[in-house]
Amino acid sequence: MSEDSREAMEAAFNEVEETESETEGEVHEIETPDITPDDSIEPDVSADVSESGDVVEDTPPLDDIKEPNTEKAPQSWTPADREAWAELPPNVKKAVLKREQEIGETMKTTAQARHFQQDFGRMTQPYQNMFQAQGVDTMTGINNVLQTAATLQGGNVQQKAQAAAQLIRDFGIDIATLDDLIVGNMPQQQAQVSPEIQQLRDQLTQQQGYINQQQQGQQQQAQNAQNVIQGEVEAFMSDPKNEFAADVRPAMRQFMQYAAQSNENLSLSDAYKRAISTRPDLQQIISNRASGQNSAQALSAARRAGVSIAQNGKTMPRGAGNQTSREMMVDAWDNLS
């Protein structure tokens, strides 16, 4: 596996690993001037309104949630908890899975709002000191800026002049310097460019266009390779044979990173096996399942051989204890080894 392939594999694995995090933000009240509230109008709080004006339901109706499949435990459970899933009553399974599905649907419907909150926090974080110096919170500070911008863009001559004067006073703009810039803001006569310089500029432009074209081709190839590997990772994670892939995903990612650093050709299957080896709880579950499977195979083989296995684990011949039965029992145990 080439270095590019390993990097693409690691990037695909990281993309599968990403999950949405819950964030809580503080809601600030914005003072809006010249607006008189009408107490006779009751606000509708049953739904949110999106930026386009469409009404967005907070949570989907319960009738729209399809009947859950109770064969598999929720993936969010630990492996040890999932092992006890089969022992739960069917009505409990149904209730648990229905709640998990409702939570998942709610997370999907609120994803856009949570992403907007995260983006808004990142955008305003560099300006927190400025808002604090003005003695206002973030929402009020942004509201003030938008009001000023609206006045400068849509106000009349008097309103624009007042807004500009207020900016000059608030930010200590030097009037003399401002006047020089306004008066001296005349277009400069464009200097005459010699034909030799213009020819060099044209050649550089052509070369830059060629380089950009090559870079775009390489980026497209890298994107195609990334898409292929992304599909392989998603297929591996969803394969029932890799039941614990989601549980050992962080360890798998570390092994993939180590392999890339050491120039080792490590497949997803090998990374999964190494990750399993770091989890004693998962090894115990796999061992218990293997023991149960071996016991079932032993019982089936003994029945085919004509013997029965008692609950204490000892084999007893079906017949009257003749030599043929004992030989068949020995053969059955030999077939298990």
Protein backbone atom coordinates (compact mmCIF):
# COMPACT_ATOMS: atom_id res chain seq x y z
CA MET A 1 0.00 0.00 0.00
CA SER A 2 1.41 3.35 -1.05
CA GLU A 3 1.75 6.30 1.28
CA ASP A 4 -1.14 8.09 -0.43
CA SER A 5 -3.37 5.04 0.02
CA ARG A 6 -2.50 4.80 3.70
CA GLU A 7 -3.25 8.47 4.20
CA ALA A 8 -6.55 8.09 2.36
CA MET A 9 -7.41 5.04 4.47
CA GLU A 10 -6.66 6.94 7.67
CA ALA A 11 -8.70 9.92 6.50
CA ALA A 12 -11.64 7.67 5.64
CA PHE A 13 -11.40 5.96 9.01
CA ASN A 14 -11.34 9.31 10.78
CA GLU A 15 -14.39 10.44 8.82
CA VAL A 16 -16.34 7.35 9.87
CA GLU A 17 -15.26 7.91 13.47
CA GLU A 18 -16.52 11.47 13.73
CA THR A 19 -19.68 11.93 15.77
CA GLU A 20 -21.77 14.94 16.52
CA SER A 21 -21.19 16.45 19.93
CA GLU A 22 -23.85 18.09 22.07
CA THR A 23 -23.26 21.77 22.80
CA GLU A 24 -25.27 24.15 24.91
CA GLY A 25 -25.28 27.89 24.32
CA GLU A 26 -26.50 30.77 26.41
CA VAL A 27 -29.47 32.65 25.00
CA HIS A 28 -29.24 36.40 25.35
CA GLU A 29 -32.11 38.82 25.03
CA ILE A 30 -31.63 41.45 22.34
CA GLU A 31 -33.13 44.85 22.93
CA THR A 32 -34.92 45.99 19.77
CA PRO A 33 -35.66 49.74 19.65
CA ASP A 34 -38.94 51.30 18.52
CA ILE A 35 -40.90 48.04 18.77
CA THR A 36 -43.98 47.94 20.98
CA PRO A 37 -45.07 44.43 21.94
CA ASP A 38 -48.69 43.47 21.48
CA ASP A 39 -49.88 41.52 24.51
CA SER A 40 -52.94 40.32 22.65
CA ILE A 41 -50.84 38.15 20.38
CA GLU A 42 -49.75 34.86 21.85
CA PRO A 43 -46.54 33.42 20.42
CA ASP A 44 -46.61 29.98 18.88
CA VAL A 45 -43.98 27.91 20.65
CA SER A 46 -45.00 24.57 19.23
CA ALA A 47 -42.51 24.73 16.38
CA ASP A 48 -39.34 26.47 15.29
CA VAL A 49 -39.09 28.66 12.19
CA SER A 50 -36.12 28.17 9.88
CA GLU A 51 -34.23 30.96 8.14
CA SER A 52 -36.36 30.47 5.01
CA GLY A 53 -39.56 30.91 7.03
CA ASP A 54 -40.57 27.25 6.93
CA VAL A 55 -41.90 25.66 10.08
CA VAL A 56 -39.65 22.92 11.40
CA GLU A 57 -40.96 20.39 13.87
CA ASP A 58 -38.83 19.89 16.98
CA THR A 59 -39.29 16.12 16.96
CA PRO A 60 -40.93 13.77 14.48
CA PRO A 61 -44.42 12.45 15.30
CA LEU A 62 -44.29 9.19 17.17
CA ASP A 63 -46.61 7.61 14.59
CA ASP A 64 -43.99 8.17 11.87
CA ILE A 65 -41.36 6.10 13.71
CA LYS A 66 -41.30 2.61 12.25
CA GLU A 67 -41.46 -0.52 14.35
CA PRO A 68 -37.96 -1.32 15.69
CA ASN A 69 -36.21 -4.59 14.94
CA THR A 70 -35.57 -6.32 18.27
CA GLU A 71 -33.00 -8.82 16.97
CA LYS A 72 -29.98 -6.62 17.64
CA ALA A 73 -29.10 -4.55 20.70
CA PRO A 74 -28.43 -0.82 20.33
CA GLN A 75 -24.93 -0.14 19.07
CA SER A 76 -24.51 2.52 21.75
CA TRP A 77 -24.49 -0.20 24.42
CA THR A 78 -21.24 -1.72 25.61
CA PRO A 79 -20.36 -5.19 24.29
CA ALA A 80 -21.01 -6.76 27.70
CA ASP A 81 -24.46 -5.16 27.86
CA ARG A 82 -25.26 -6.29 24.33
CA GLU A 83 -24.54 -9.87 25.34
CA ALA A 84 -27.44 -9.70 27.81
CA TRP A 85 -29.84 -8.38 25.17
CA ALA A 86 -31.25 -11.80 24.35
CA GLU A 87 -32.36 -12.29 27.95
CA LEU A 88 -34.59 -9.19 27.97
CA PRO A 89 -38.36 -9.59 27.51
CA PRO A 90 -39.64 -8.65 24.03
CA ASN A 91 -41.68 -5.71 25.33
CA VAL A 92 -38.60 -4.26 27.07
CA LYS A 93 -36.54 -4.65 23.89
CA LYS A 94 -39.20 -2.87 21.87
CA ALA A 95 -39.41 0.01 24.36
CA VAL A 96 -35.63 0.45 24.49
CA LEU A 97 -35.20 0.41 20.71
CA LYS A 98 -38.12 2.78 20.19
CA ARG A 99 -36.54 5.25 22.59
CA GLU A 100 -33.17 4.88 20.84
CA GLN A 101 -34.87 5.55 17.50
CA GLU A 102 -36.65 8.62 18.84
CA ILE A 103 -33.35 9.98 20.15
CA GLY A 104 -31.69 9.34 16.80
CA GLU A 105 -34.47 11.11 14.89
CA THR A 106 -34.28 14.07 17.27
CA MET A 107 -30.51 14.31 16.77
CA LYS A 108 -31.04 14.38 12.99
CA THR A 109 -33.68 17.10 13.09
CA THR A 110 -31.58 19.29 15.39
CA ALA A 111 -28.26 18.72 13.62
CA GLN A 112 -28.53 21.91 11.55
CA ALA A 113 -29.27 24.03 14.62
CA ARG A 114 -26.36 22.50 16.56
CA HIS A 115 -23.99 23.03 13.64
CA PHE A 116 -25.12 26.65 13.35
CA GLN A 117 -24.48 27.16 17.06
CA GLN A 118 -20.99 25.69 16.78
CA ASP A 119 -20.16 27.78 13.70
CA PHE A 120 -21.55 30.91 15.36
CA GLY A 121 -19.42 30.29 18.46
CA ARG A 122 -16.26 29.81 16.40
CA MET A 123 -16.98 32.94 14.35
CA THR A 124 -17.56 35.21 17.35
CA GLN A 125 -14.86 33.80 19.63
CA PRO A 126 -12.05 36.11 18.36
CA TYR A 127 -14.18 39.19 19.12
CA GLN A 128 -15.20 38.40 22.69
CA ASN A 129 -12.69 40.90 24.12
CA MET A 130 -14.12 43.65 21.94
CA PHE A 131 -17.66 42.97 23.15
CA GLN A 132 -16.48 42.86 26.76
CA ALA A 133 -14.73 46.20 26.34
CA GLN A 134 -18.00 47.67 25.07
CA GLY A 135 -19.83 46.22 28.05
CA VAL A 136 -22.22 44.11 25.97
CA ASP A 137 -22.71 40.42 25.38
CA THR A 138 -22.11 38.74 22.04
CA MET A 139 -25.66 38.87 20.74
CA THR A 140 -26.13 42.54 21.68
CA GLY A 141 -22.78 43.49 20.11
CA ILE A 142 -23.65 41.77 16.84
CA ASN A 143 -27.08 43.37 16.86
CA ASN A 144 -25.48 46.82 17.24
CA VAL A 145 -23.13 46.17 14.32
CA LEU A 146 -25.98 45.00 12.09
CA GLN A 147 -28.08 48.04 12.99
CA THR A 148 -25.20 50.36 12.06
CA ALA A 149 -24.63 48.52 8.78
CA ALA A 150 -28.34 48.70 7.97
CA THR A 151 -28.37 52.45 8.61
CA LEU A 152 -25.30 53.05 6.40
CA GLN A 153 -26.79 50.98 3.62
CA GLY A 154 -30.46 51.94 3.71
CA GLY A 155 -30.74 55.16 5.72
CA ASN A 156 -31.24 58.64 4.39
CA VAL A 157 -28.46 61.22 4.09
CA GLN A 158 -28.97 62.55 7.61
CA GLN A 159 -29.05 59.08 9.17
CA LYS A 160 -25.91 57.96 7.30
CA ALA A 161 -24.04 61.10 8.40
CA GLN A 162 -25.08 60.56 12.02
CA ALA A 163 -23.98 56.90 11.91
CA ALA A 164 -20.61 57.87 10.41
CA ALA A 165 -20.12 60.58 13.02
CA GLN A 166 -20.91 58.10 15.76
CA LEU A 167 -18.34 55.67 14.37
CA ILE A 168 -15.72 58.42 14.28
CA ARG A 169 -16.38 59.28 17.92
CA ASP A 170 -16.58 55.68 19.14
CA PHE A 171 -13.41 54.49 17.45
CA GLY A 172 -11.28 57.65 17.68
CA ILE A 173 -10.82 58.18 13.94
CA ASP A 174 -8.55 61.16 13.18
CA ILE A 175 -10.51 63.73 11.17
CA ALA A 176 -7.44 65.23 9.44
CA THR A 177 -6.24 61.86 8.26
CA LEU A 178 -9.73 60.95 7.10
CA ASP A 179 -9.99 64.23 5.18
CA ASP A 180 -6.65 63.63 3.46
CA LEU A 181 -7.75 60.18 2.40
CA ILE A 182 -11.06 61.43 1.08
CA VAL A 183 -9.63 64.37 -0.81
CA GLY A 184 -6.58 62.51 -2.08
CA ASN A 185 -8.49 59.43 -3.20
CA MET A 186 -7.93 60.14 -6.88
CA PRO A 187 -7.17 57.40 -9.42
CA GLN A 188 -3.48 57.26 -10.25
CA GLN A 189 -2.44 57.20 -13.87
CA GLN A 190 -1.50 53.69 -14.83
CA ALA A 191 2.20 53.33 -15.58
CA GLN A 192 3.19 52.24 -19.06
CA VAL A 193 4.29 48.59 -19.15
CA SER A 194 7.07 47.64 -21.55
CA PRO A 195 6.37 44.85 -24.07
CA GLU A 196 9.08 42.65 -22.52
CA ILE A 197 7.49 42.86 -19.08
CA GLN A 198 4.06 42.16 -20.52
CA GLN A 199 5.39 39.12 -22.35
CA LEU A 200 6.89 37.77 -19.13
CA ARG A 201 3.60 38.33 -17.37
CA ASP A 202 1.73 36.44 -20.09
CA GLN A 203 4.17 33.53 -19.87
CA LEU A 204 3.81 33.38 -16.08
CA THR A 205 0.04 33.42 -16.43
CA GLN A 206 0.16 30.48 -18.85
CA GLN A 207 2.51 28.52 -16.60
CA GLN A 208 0.33 29.23 -13.59
CA GLY A 209 -2.71 28.00 -15.51
CA TYR A 210 -0.89 24.78 -16.41
CA ILE A 211 0.17 24.24 -12.81
CA ASN A 212 -3.37 24.85 -11.61
CA GLN A 213 -4.70 22.34 -14.12
CA GLN A 214 -2.20 19.71 -12.97
CA GLN A 215 -3.07 20.35 -9.34
CA GLN A 216 -6.77 20.01 -10.06
CA GLY A 217 -6.14 16.68 -11.78
CA GLN A 218 -4.14 15.41 -8.82
CA GLN A 219 -6.79 16.59 -6.40
CA GLN A 220 -9.48 14.80 -8.42
CA GLN A 221 -7.47 11.58 -8.42
CA ALA A 222 -6.91 11.87 -4.68
CA GLN A 223 -10.63 12.50 -4.15
CA ASN A 224 -11.55 9.44 -6.23
CA ALA A 225 -9.14 7.28 -4.24
CA GLN A 226 -10.54 8.72 -1.03
CA ASN A 227 -14.09 7.85 -2.10
CA VAL A 228 -13.11 4.26 -2.90
CA ILE A 229 -11.36 3.78 0.44
CA GLN A 230 -14.21 5.50 2.25
CA GLY A 231 -16.57 2.92 0.79
CA GLU A 232 -14.28 0.09 1.89
CA VAL A 233 -14.15 1.43 5.45
CA GLU A 234 -17.91 1.86 5.65
CA ALA A 235 -18.46 -1.65 4.26
CA PHE A 236 -16.03 -3.08 6.80
CA MET A 237 -17.67 -1.25 9.70
CA SER A 238 -21.15 -2.46 8.67
CA ASP A 239 -20.11 -6.07 8.04
CA PRO A 240 -21.75 -8.32 10.70
CA LYS A 241 -18.52 -10.32 10.91
CA ASN A 242 -16.88 -7.23 12.39
CA GLU A 243 -19.45 -6.87 15.15
CA PHE A 244 -17.15 -4.99 17.54
CA ALA A 245 -15.65 -2.63 14.96
CA ALA A 246 -17.46 0.38 16.42
CA ASP A 247 -16.28 -0.54 19.93
CA VAL A 248 -12.59 -0.76 18.96
CA ARG A 249 -12.64 2.05 16.39
CA PRO A 250 -10.25 4.34 18.35
CA ALA A 251 -7.73 1.53 18.77
CA MET A 252 -8.00 0.63 15.08
CA ARG A 253 -7.33 4.22 14.13
CA GLN A 254 -4.19 4.26 16.28
CA PHE A 255 -2.92 1.05 14.72
CA MET A 256 -3.56 2.50 11.24
CA GLN A 257 -1.62 5.63 12.18
CA TYR A 258 1.31 3.61 13.55
CA ALA A 259 1.34 1.48 10.40
CA ALA A 260 1.41 4.58 8.18
CA GLN A 261 4.28 6.07 10.18
CA SER A 262 6.29 2.84 10.04
CA ASN A 263 5.49 2.18 6.37
CA GLU A 264 3.66 -1.04 7.26
CA ASN A 265 0.99 -2.51 5.00
CA LEU A 266 -1.82 -3.01 7.53
CA SER A 267 -5.28 -4.04 6.38
CA LEU A 268 -8.49 -3.17 8.16
CA SER A 269 -8.94 -6.81 9.14
CA ASP A 270 -5.50 -6.96 10.77
CA ALA A 271 -6.09 -3.66 12.54
CA TYR A 272 -9.40 -5.02 13.83
CA LYS A 273 -7.72 -8.15 15.19
CA ARG A 274 -5.02 -6.12 16.91
CA ALA A 275 -7.62 -3.83 18.42
CA ILE A 276 -9.61 -6.81 19.71
CA SER A 277 -6.45 -8.12 21.38
CA THR A 278 -6.31 -4.94 23.48
CA ARG A 279 -9.78 -5.52 24.91
CA PRO A 280 -9.98 -8.37 27.46
CA ASP A 281 -13.73 -7.91 27.77
CA LEU A 282 -14.26 -8.50 24.06
CA GLN A 283 -11.89 -11.48 24.09
CA GLN A 284 -13.93 -12.98 26.93
CA ILE A 285 -17.16 -12.53 24.98
CA ILE A 286 -15.66 -14.13 21.87
CA SER A 287 -14.26 -16.98 23.98
CA ASN A 288 -17.62 -17.60 25.63
CA ARG A 289 -19.33 -17.69 22.26
CA ALA A 290 -16.73 -20.09 20.89
CA SER A 291 -17.16 -22.36 23.93
CA GLY A 292 -20.90 -22.42 23.44
CA GLN A 293 -20.49 -23.14 19.75
CA ASN A 294 -18.06 -25.98 20.47
CA SER A 295 -20.49 -27.47 22.98
CA ALA A 296 -23.26 -27.36 20.41
CA GLN A 297 -21.01 -29.00 17.83
CA ALA A 298 -20.00 -31.68 20.34
CA LEU A 299 -23.63 -32.45 21.09
CA SER A 300 -24.46 -32.67 17.39
CA ALA A 301 -21.46 -34.89 16.65
CA ALA A 302 -22.22 -37.17 19.58
CA ARG A 303 -25.80 -37.58 18.47
CA ARG A 304 -24.66 -38.47 14.97
CA ALA A 305 -22.25 -40.98 16.51
CA GLY A 306 -25.00 -42.60 18.59
CA VAL A 307 -24.16 -41.27 22.08
CA SER A 308 -25.81 -38.79 24.44
CA ILE A 309 -24.16 -36.04 26.49
CA ALA A 310 -25.43 -35.56 30.03
CA GLN A 311 -25.71 -32.13 31.70
CA ASN A 312 -22.54 -32.79 33.71
CA GLY A 313 -20.55 -32.89 30.46
CA LYS A 314 -19.84 -36.66 30.54
CA THR A 315 -20.81 -38.83 27.58
CA MET A 316 -23.00 -41.87 28.10
CA PRO A 317 -23.67 -44.56 25.47
CA ARG A 318 -27.15 -44.88 24.10
CA GLY A 319 -26.97 -48.65 23.83
CA ALA A 320 -26.50 -51.36 26.42
CA GLY A 321 -22.81 -50.59 26.87
CA ASN A 322 -21.47 -52.84 24.15
CA GLN A 323 -18.08 -52.33 22.59
CA THR A 324 -19.45 -50.78 19.43
CA SER A 325 -21.05 -47.93 21.37
CA ARG A 326 -17.86 -47.21 23.28
CA GLU A 327 -15.87 -47.16 20.08
CA MET A 328 -18.37 -44.77 18.53
CA MET A 329 -18.12 -42.51 21.58
CA VAL A 330 -14.32 -42.43 21.34
CA ASP A 331 -14.54 -41.67 17.64
CA ALA A 332 -16.96 -38.84 18.34
CA TRP A 333 -14.60 -37.22 20.82
CA ASP A 334 -11.69 -37.73 18.43
CA ASN A 335 -13.65 -35.86 15.76
CA LEU A 336 -13.95 -32.87 18.14
CA SER A 337 -10.21 -32.61 18.75
